[in-house]
Amino acid sequence: CSSDLLRAFEFWEKLAIEDKKVEWQEHELQISQFKDAGGKSRKRLVEATRDFKTGRATEQEIKKLIPTFQAEVDALTKRSKFAEGVATALFKELTEAPDPVPVLKVACHQSSSSQDAEVEIRRLKAELEGDHAEL
């Protein structure tokens, strides 16, 4: 086994891609939930701001507006930090991955050579059996 092939094998075995797929799907779900919650929250903020701009907001509603904006900023910060953490972890894992192309190219070449050798062995066996039959 070549050192490149062994290195690629060890990396991908250690990465445990099937486990990572489950983890990535969980992250995708969390990001989607953050996105949905953010959409609903923004809609409420737009409504509250519209009342404020038109002058229809009560004093109590105006006092609630700043904490509402702060809560939205906090939620967006949490969402962005989570997404950035997921992306950074994924990028780190992928940048450590060896390029599989050279290894796969060698493996394909060796597989092809192996198949050619098997065909040649069968041909020689048949030829040998034919020679034995003649004797």
N, C-alpha and C. Protein backbone atom coordinates (compact mmCIF):
# COMPACT_ATOMS: atom_id res chain seq x y z
N CYS A 1 0.86 -1.18 0.00
CA CYS A 1 0.00 0.00 0.00
C CYS A 1 0.90 1.25 0.00
N SER A 2 0.70 2.14 -0.95
CA SER A 2 1.53 3.34 -1.02
C SER A 2 1.26 4.24 0.17
N SER A 3 2.23 5.10 0.47
CA SER A 3 2.06 5.99 1.63
C SER A 3 0.90 6.96 1.41
N ASP A 4 0.71 7.42 0.16
CA ASP A 4 -0.41 8.32 -0.12
C ASP A 4 -1.74 7.61 0.08
N LEU A 5 -1.80 6.37 -0.39
CA LEU A 5 -3.03 5.60 -0.25
C LEU A 5 -3.31 5.33 1.23
N LEU A 6 -2.29 4.96 1.97
CA LEU A 6 -2.44 4.70 3.40
C LEU A 6 -2.87 5.98 4.14
N ARG A 7 -2.26 7.10 3.80
CA ARG A 7 -2.60 8.38 4.43
C ARG A 7 -4.07 8.74 4.16
N ALA A 8 -4.50 8.58 2.91
CA ALA A 8 -5.89 8.89 2.56
C ALA A 8 -6.84 7.95 3.29
N PHE A 9 -6.51 6.67 3.30
CA PHE A 9 -7.34 5.70 3.99
C PHE A 9 -7.48 6.04 5.48
N GLU A 10 -6.36 6.31 6.13
CA GLU A 10 -6.38 6.62 7.56
C GLU A 10 -7.17 7.88 7.86
N PHE A 11 -7.03 8.90 7.00
CA PHE A 11 -7.76 10.14 7.21
C PHE A 11 -9.26 9.89 7.13
N TRP A 12 -9.70 9.25 6.04
CA TRP A 12 -11.13 9.07 5.83
C TRP A 12 -11.72 8.10 6.84
N GLU A 13 -10.94 7.11 7.27
CA GLU A 13 -11.41 6.19 8.29
C GLU A 13 -11.60 6.94 9.61
N LYS A 14 -10.64 7.79 9.96
CA LYS A 14 -10.71 8.56 11.20
C LYS A 14 -11.86 9.59 11.15
N LEU A 15 -12.08 10.16 9.98
CA LEU A 15 -13.15 11.16 9.84
C LEU A 15 -14.52 10.54 10.10
N ALA A 16 -14.70 9.28 9.76
CA ALA A 16 -15.98 8.58 9.94
C ALA A 16 -17.10 9.36 9.26
N ILE A 17 -17.05 9.38 7.95
CA ILE A 17 -17.95 10.21 7.15
C ILE A 17 -19.42 9.95 7.44
N GLU A 18 -19.81 8.73 7.71
CA GLU A 18 -21.23 8.45 7.99
C GLU A 18 -21.67 9.15 9.29
N ASP A 19 -20.80 9.15 10.30
CA ASP A 19 -21.11 9.87 11.54
C ASP A 19 -21.17 11.37 11.28
N LYS A 20 -20.26 11.86 10.43
CA LYS A 20 -20.23 13.29 10.10
C LYS A 20 -21.50 13.69 9.37
N LYS A 21 -22.01 12.83 8.51
CA LYS A 21 -23.24 13.15 7.79
C LYS A 21 -24.39 13.37 8.76
N VAL A 22 -24.47 12.54 9.78
CA VAL A 22 -25.52 12.70 10.80
C VAL A 22 -25.33 14.03 11.52
N GLU A 23 -24.09 14.33 11.90
CA GLU A 23 -23.78 15.59 12.58
C GLU A 23 -24.13 16.79 11.70
N TRP A 24 -23.78 16.72 10.41
CA TRP A 24 -24.06 17.82 9.48
C TRP A 24 -25.56 18.00 9.27
N GLN A 25 -26.30 16.90 9.27
CA GLN A 25 -27.76 17.01 9.13
C GLN A 25 -28.37 17.68 10.37
N GLU A 26 -27.83 17.36 11.55
CA GLU A 26 -28.30 18.01 12.77
C GLU A 26 -28.01 19.51 12.72
N HIS A 27 -26.83 19.87 12.25
CA HIS A 27 -26.48 21.28 12.13
C HIS A 27 -27.39 21.98 11.12
N GLU A 28 -27.68 21.30 10.04
CA GLU A 28 -28.56 21.87 9.02
C GLU A 28 -29.95 22.15 9.63
N LEU A 29 -30.43 21.21 10.44
CA LEU A 29 -31.73 21.38 11.10
C LEU A 29 -31.70 22.58 12.05
N GLN A 30 -30.64 22.70 12.84
CA GLN A 30 -30.54 23.83 13.78
C GLN A 30 -30.49 25.15 13.03
N ILE A 31 -29.73 25.20 11.96
CA ILE A 31 -29.65 26.43 11.17
C ILE A 31 -31.02 26.78 10.60
N SER A 32 -31.74 25.78 10.12
CA SER A 32 -33.09 25.99 9.58
C SER A 32 -34.03 26.51 10.66
N GLN A 33 -33.92 25.95 11.88
CA GLN A 33 -34.77 26.41 12.98
C GLN A 33 -34.45 27.86 13.35
N PHE A 34 -33.16 28.18 13.38
CA PHE A 34 -32.76 29.58 13.65
C PHE A 34 -33.33 30.50 12.58
N LYS A 35 -33.27 30.05 11.34
CA LYS A 35 -33.76 30.86 10.22
C LYS A 35 -35.26 31.09 10.35
N ASP A 36 -36.02 30.03 10.65
CA ASP A 36 -37.46 30.16 10.81
C ASP A 36 -37.82 31.11 11.96
N ALA A 37 -37.15 30.92 13.08
CA ALA A 37 -37.40 31.78 14.25
C ALA A 37 -37.05 33.23 13.93
N GLY A 38 -35.96 33.42 13.19
CA GLY A 38 -35.56 34.78 12.81
C GLY A 38 -36.58 35.45 11.91
N GLY A 39 -37.17 34.70 11.00
CA GLY A 39 -38.18 35.25 10.10
C GLY A 39 -39.41 35.72 10.86
N LYS A 40 -39.85 34.90 11.81
CA LYS A 40 -41.02 35.27 12.62
C LYS A 40 -40.72 36.48 13.49
N SER A 41 -39.53 36.50 14.06
CA SER A 41 -39.14 37.60 14.93
C SER A 41 -39.04 38.91 14.14
N ARG A 42 -38.46 38.83 12.95
CA ARG A 42 -38.35 40.03 12.11
C ARG A 42 -39.73 40.56 11.74
N LYS A 43 -40.65 39.64 11.46
CA LYS A 43 -42.01 40.06 11.10
C LYS A 43 -42.65 40.84 12.26
N ARG A 44 -42.47 40.34 13.48
CA ARG A 44 -43.02 41.06 14.66
C ARG A 44 -42.35 42.43 14.82
N LEU A 45 -41.05 42.47 14.56
CA LEU A 45 -40.33 43.74 14.66
C LEU A 45 -40.82 44.75 13.62
N VAL A 46 -41.06 44.28 12.41
CA VAL A 46 -41.56 45.17 11.36
C VAL A 46 -42.90 45.75 11.77
N GLU A 47 -43.77 44.92 12.31
CA GLU A 47 -45.08 45.39 12.75
C GLU A 47 -44.95 46.42 13.88
N ALA A 48 -44.10 46.12 14.85
CA ALA A 48 -43.91 47.05 15.97
C ALA A 48 -43.31 48.36 15.49
N THR A 49 -42.38 48.30 14.58
CA THR A 49 -41.74 49.51 14.05
C THR A 49 -42.73 50.32 13.22
N ARG A 50 -43.60 49.64 12.48
CA ARG A 50 -44.61 50.32 11.66
C ARG A 50 -45.54 51.14 12.57
N ASP A 51 -45.98 50.54 13.67
CA ASP A 51 -46.84 51.27 14.61
C ASP A 51 -46.11 52.48 15.18
N PHE A 52 -44.83 52.30 15.46
CA PHE A 52 -44.03 53.39 16.01
C PHE A 52 -43.90 54.54 15.01
N LYS A 53 -43.62 54.19 13.75
CA LYS A 53 -43.43 55.21 12.71
C LYS A 53 -44.72 55.99 12.43
N THR A 54 -45.84 55.32 12.52
CA THR A 54 -47.12 55.99 12.22
C THR A 54 -47.65 56.77 13.41
N GLY A 55 -47.01 56.60 14.55
CA GLY A 55 -47.44 57.33 15.74
C GLY A 55 -48.58 56.65 16.47
N ARG A 56 -48.94 55.44 16.08
CA ARG A 56 -50.04 54.73 16.72
C ARG A 56 -49.59 53.92 17.94
N ALA A 57 -48.30 53.83 18.13
CA ALA A 57 -47.78 53.03 19.25
C ALA A 57 -48.04 53.73 20.58
N THR A 58 -48.41 52.93 21.55
CA THR A 58 -48.61 53.48 22.89
C THR A 58 -47.24 53.64 23.55
N GLU A 59 -47.22 54.35 24.64
CA GLU A 59 -45.96 54.56 25.36
C GLU A 59 -45.37 53.23 25.82
N GLN A 60 -46.24 52.34 26.24
CA GLN A 60 -45.78 51.02 26.70
C GLN A 60 -45.17 50.23 25.51
N GLU A 61 -45.80 50.32 24.35
CA GLU A 61 -45.28 49.63 23.16
C GLU A 61 -43.92 50.21 22.75
N ILE A 62 -43.77 51.51 22.89
CA ILE A 62 -42.50 52.17 22.57
C ILE A 62 -41.40 51.69 23.51
N LYS A 63 -41.73 51.54 24.78
CA LYS A 63 -40.75 51.07 25.76
C LYS A 63 -40.33 49.62 25.47
N LYS A 64 -41.23 48.84 24.89
CA LYS A 64 -40.91 47.45 24.56
C LYS A 64 -40.08 47.33 23.29
N LEU A 65 -40.08 48.39 22.48
CA LEU A 65 -39.42 48.32 21.17
C LEU A 65 -37.91 48.11 21.28
N ILE A 66 -37.24 48.83 22.15
CA ILE A 66 -35.78 48.71 22.28
C ILE A 66 -35.39 47.32 22.76
N PRO A 67 -36.02 46.76 23.81
CA PRO A 67 -35.67 45.39 24.20
C PRO A 67 -35.98 44.37 23.10
N THR A 68 -37.02 44.64 22.31
CA THR A 68 -37.34 43.73 21.20
C THR A 68 -36.23 43.74 20.16
N PHE A 69 -35.74 44.94 19.85
CA PHE A 69 -34.61 45.05 18.92
C PHE A 69 -33.38 44.35 19.50
N GLN A 70 -33.13 44.54 20.77
CA GLN A 70 -31.97 43.92 21.41
C GLN A 70 -32.08 42.40 21.36
N ALA A 71 -33.28 41.89 21.60
CA ALA A 71 -33.50 40.43 21.55
C ALA A 71 -33.24 39.91 20.14
N GLU A 72 -33.65 40.67 19.15
CA GLU A 72 -33.40 40.27 17.75
C GLU A 72 -31.91 40.28 17.44
N VAL A 73 -31.22 41.30 17.89
CA VAL A 73 -29.77 41.36 17.69
C VAL A 73 -29.09 40.17 18.37
N ASP A 74 -29.51 39.86 19.59
CA ASP A 74 -28.94 38.72 20.32
C ASP A 74 -29.20 37.40 19.58
N ALA A 75 -30.43 37.24 19.07
CA ALA A 75 -30.77 36.01 18.34
C ALA A 75 -29.95 35.90 17.05
N LEU A 76 -29.79 37.01 16.35
CA LEU A 76 -28.99 36.99 15.12
C LEU A 76 -27.52 36.71 15.42
N THR A 77 -27.03 37.24 16.53
CA THR A 77 -25.64 36.97 16.94
C THR A 77 -25.46 35.50 17.25
N LYS A 78 -26.40 34.92 17.98
CA LYS A 78 -26.34 33.49 18.31
C LYS A 78 -26.37 32.65 17.04
N ARG A 79 -27.26 33.00 16.13
CA ARG A 79 -27.40 32.28 14.87
C ARG A 79 -26.11 32.36 14.05
N SER A 80 -25.56 33.55 13.94
CA SER A 80 -24.35 33.72 13.11
C SER A 80 -23.15 33.01 13.74
N LYS A 81 -23.02 33.07 15.06
CA LYS A 81 -21.91 32.38 15.73
C LYS A 81 -22.01 30.87 15.52
N PHE A 82 -23.22 30.33 15.62
CA PHE A 82 -23.41 28.90 15.40
C PHE A 82 -23.03 28.52 13.97
N ALA A 83 -23.56 29.26 13.00
CA ALA A 83 -23.27 28.96 11.59
C ALA A 83 -21.79 29.12 11.29
N GLU A 84 -21.16 30.14 11.84
CA GLU A 84 -19.73 30.34 11.62
C GLU A 84 -18.93 29.20 12.25
N GLY A 85 -19.34 28.75 13.43
CA GLY A 85 -18.65 27.62 14.08
C GLY A 85 -18.76 26.35 13.27
N VAL A 86 -19.95 26.08 12.75
CA VAL A 86 -20.16 24.90 11.91
C VAL A 86 -19.30 24.99 10.65
N ALA A 87 -19.34 26.12 10.00
CA ALA A 87 -18.58 26.30 8.76
C ALA A 87 -17.08 26.19 9.02
N THR A 88 -16.61 26.80 10.09
CA THR A 88 -15.18 26.75 10.41
C THR A 88 -14.73 25.32 10.69
N ALA A 89 -15.52 24.58 11.45
CA ALA A 89 -15.18 23.18 11.76
C ALA A 89 -15.15 22.35 10.48
N LEU A 90 -16.12 22.55 9.61
CA LEU A 90 -16.17 21.81 8.35
C LEU A 90 -14.98 22.16 7.47
N PHE A 91 -14.68 23.45 7.35
CA PHE A 91 -13.54 23.87 6.54
C PHE A 91 -12.23 23.30 7.08
N LYS A 92 -12.10 23.28 8.41
CA LYS A 92 -10.89 22.74 9.03
C LYS A 92 -10.74 21.27 8.68
N GLU A 93 -11.82 20.51 8.81
CA GLU A 93 -11.76 19.08 8.49
C GLU A 93 -11.42 18.86 7.02
N LEU A 94 -12.03 19.63 6.16
CA LEU A 94 -11.80 19.44 4.73
C LEU A 94 -10.41 19.90 4.29
N THR A 95 -9.87 20.94 4.93
CA THR A 95 -8.52 21.39 4.53
C THR A 95 -7.46 20.41 4.98
N GLU A 96 -7.77 19.59 5.98
CA GLU A 96 -6.81 18.57 6.43
C GLU A 96 -6.90 17.30 5.59
N ALA A 97 -7.93 17.21 4.77
CA ALA A 97 -8.13 16.01 3.96
C ALA A 97 -7.09 15.94 2.85
N PRO A 98 -6.50 14.76 2.68
CA PRO A 98 -5.60 14.61 1.55
C PRO A 98 -6.41 14.59 0.26
N ASP A 99 -5.81 15.08 -0.79
CA ASP A 99 -6.48 15.07 -2.09
C ASP A 99 -6.63 13.62 -2.54
N PRO A 100 -7.86 13.14 -2.70
CA PRO A 100 -8.04 11.73 -3.06
C PRO A 100 -7.77 11.42 -4.53
N VAL A 101 -7.64 12.43 -5.38
CA VAL A 101 -7.48 12.19 -6.81
C VAL A 101 -6.23 11.37 -7.14
N PRO A 102 -5.04 11.74 -6.64
CA PRO A 102 -3.87 10.93 -6.98
C PRO A 102 -3.98 9.48 -6.51
N VAL A 103 -4.52 9.29 -5.31
CA VAL A 103 -4.66 7.95 -4.76
C VAL A 103 -5.67 7.15 -5.57
N LEU A 104 -6.80 7.76 -5.90
CA LEU A 104 -7.81 7.07 -6.69
C LEU A 104 -7.29 6.74 -8.09
N LYS A 105 -6.49 7.64 -8.64
CA LYS A 105 -5.91 7.41 -9.96
C LYS A 105 -4.99 6.18 -9.93
N VAL A 106 -4.14 6.10 -8.90
CA VAL A 106 -3.23 4.95 -8.75
C VAL A 106 -4.06 3.68 -8.53
N ALA A 107 -5.08 3.76 -7.67
CA ALA A 107 -5.91 2.59 -7.39
C ALA A 107 -6.61 2.11 -8.66
N CYS A 108 -7.12 3.04 -9.46
CA CYS A 108 -7.78 2.67 -10.72
C CYS A 108 -6.78 2.01 -11.67
N HIS A 109 -5.58 2.59 -11.74
CA HIS A 109 -4.54 2.03 -12.61
C HIS A 109 -4.18 0.62 -12.14
N GLN A 110 -4.00 0.45 -10.83
CA GLN A 110 -3.65 -0.87 -10.30
C GLN A 110 -4.78 -1.87 -10.52
N SER A 111 -6.00 -1.41 -10.37
CA SER A 111 -7.15 -2.28 -10.59
C SER A 111 -7.20 -2.72 -12.05
N SER A 112 -6.96 -1.78 -12.94
CA SER A 112 -6.96 -2.08 -14.37
C SER A 112 -5.84 -3.06 -14.69
N SER A 113 -4.65 -2.83 -14.13
CA SER A 113 -3.52 -3.72 -14.35
C SER A 113 -3.82 -5.11 -13.80
N SER A 114 -4.46 -5.17 -12.66
CA SER A 114 -4.83 -6.44 -12.03
C SER A 114 -5.82 -7.20 -12.91
N GLN A 115 -6.78 -6.49 -13.46
CA GLN A 115 -7.77 -7.13 -14.34
C GLN A 115 -7.09 -7.65 -15.61
N ASP A 116 -6.17 -6.85 -16.14
CA ASP A 116 -5.42 -7.29 -17.33
C ASP A 116 -4.62 -8.55 -17.02
N ALA A 117 -4.01 -8.58 -15.83
CA ALA A 117 -3.21 -9.74 -15.43
C ALA A 117 -4.09 -10.98 -15.27
N GLU A 118 -5.28 -10.80 -14.72
CA GLU A 118 -6.20 -11.92 -14.56
C GLU A 118 -6.61 -12.49 -15.91
N VAL A 119 -6.87 -11.62 -16.86
CA VAL A 119 -7.23 -12.06 -18.21
C VAL A 119 -6.07 -12.84 -18.82
N GLU A 120 -4.86 -12.33 -18.66
CA GLU A 120 -3.66 -12.99 -19.20
C GLU A 120 -3.45 -14.35 -18.52
N ILE A 121 -3.68 -14.43 -17.22
CA ILE A 121 -3.52 -15.71 -16.50
C ILE A 121 -4.53 -16.73 -17.04
N ARG A 122 -5.76 -16.31 -17.24
CA ARG A 122 -6.77 -17.23 -17.78
C ARG A 122 -6.38 -17.70 -19.18
N ARG A 123 -5.88 -16.79 -19.99
CA ARG A 123 -5.46 -17.14 -21.35
C ARG A 123 -4.33 -18.15 -21.31
N LEU A 124 -3.33 -17.90 -20.42
CA LEU A 124 -2.19 -18.81 -20.32
C LEU A 124 -2.61 -20.18 -19.79
N LYS A 125 -3.53 -20.20 -18.83
CA LYS A 125 -4.03 -21.47 -18.29
C LYS A 125 -4.71 -22.28 -19.40
N ALA A 126 -5.54 -21.58 -20.18
CA ALA A 126 -6.23 -22.26 -21.27
C ALA A 126 -5.22 -22.79 -22.29
N GLU A 127 -4.21 -21.98 -22.58
CA GLU A 127 -3.16 -22.40 -23.53
C GLU A 127 -2.40 -23.60 -22.97
N LEU A 128 -2.09 -23.56 -21.67
CA LEU A 128 -1.37 -24.66 -21.02
C LEU A 128 -2.21 -25.94 -21.03
N GLU A 129 -3.50 -25.78 -20.74
CA GLU A 129 -4.38 -26.95 -20.79
C GLU A 129 -4.45 -27.52 -22.19
N GLY A 130 -4.44 -26.65 -23.17
CA GLY A 130 -4.44 -27.11 -24.57
C GLY A 130 -3.18 -27.83 -24.91
N ASP A 131 -2.03 -27.32 -24.40
CA ASP A 131 -0.75 -27.99 -24.63
C ASP A 131 -0.71 -29.36 -23.93
N HIS A 132 -1.27 -29.43 -22.72
CA HIS A 132 -1.31 -30.71 -21.99
C HIS A 132 -2.20 -31.73 -22.73
N ALA A 133 -3.26 -31.23 -23.31
CA ALA A 133 -4.16 -32.11 -24.03
C ALA A 133 -3.47 -32.69 -25.27
N GLU A 134 -2.61 -31.91 -25.91
CA GLU A 134 -1.88 -32.37 -27.08
C GLU A 134 -0.85 -33.43 -26.71
N LEU A 135 -0.27 -33.34 -25.52
CA LEU A 135 0.75 -34.29 -25.10
C LEU A 135 0.08 -35.58 -24.73
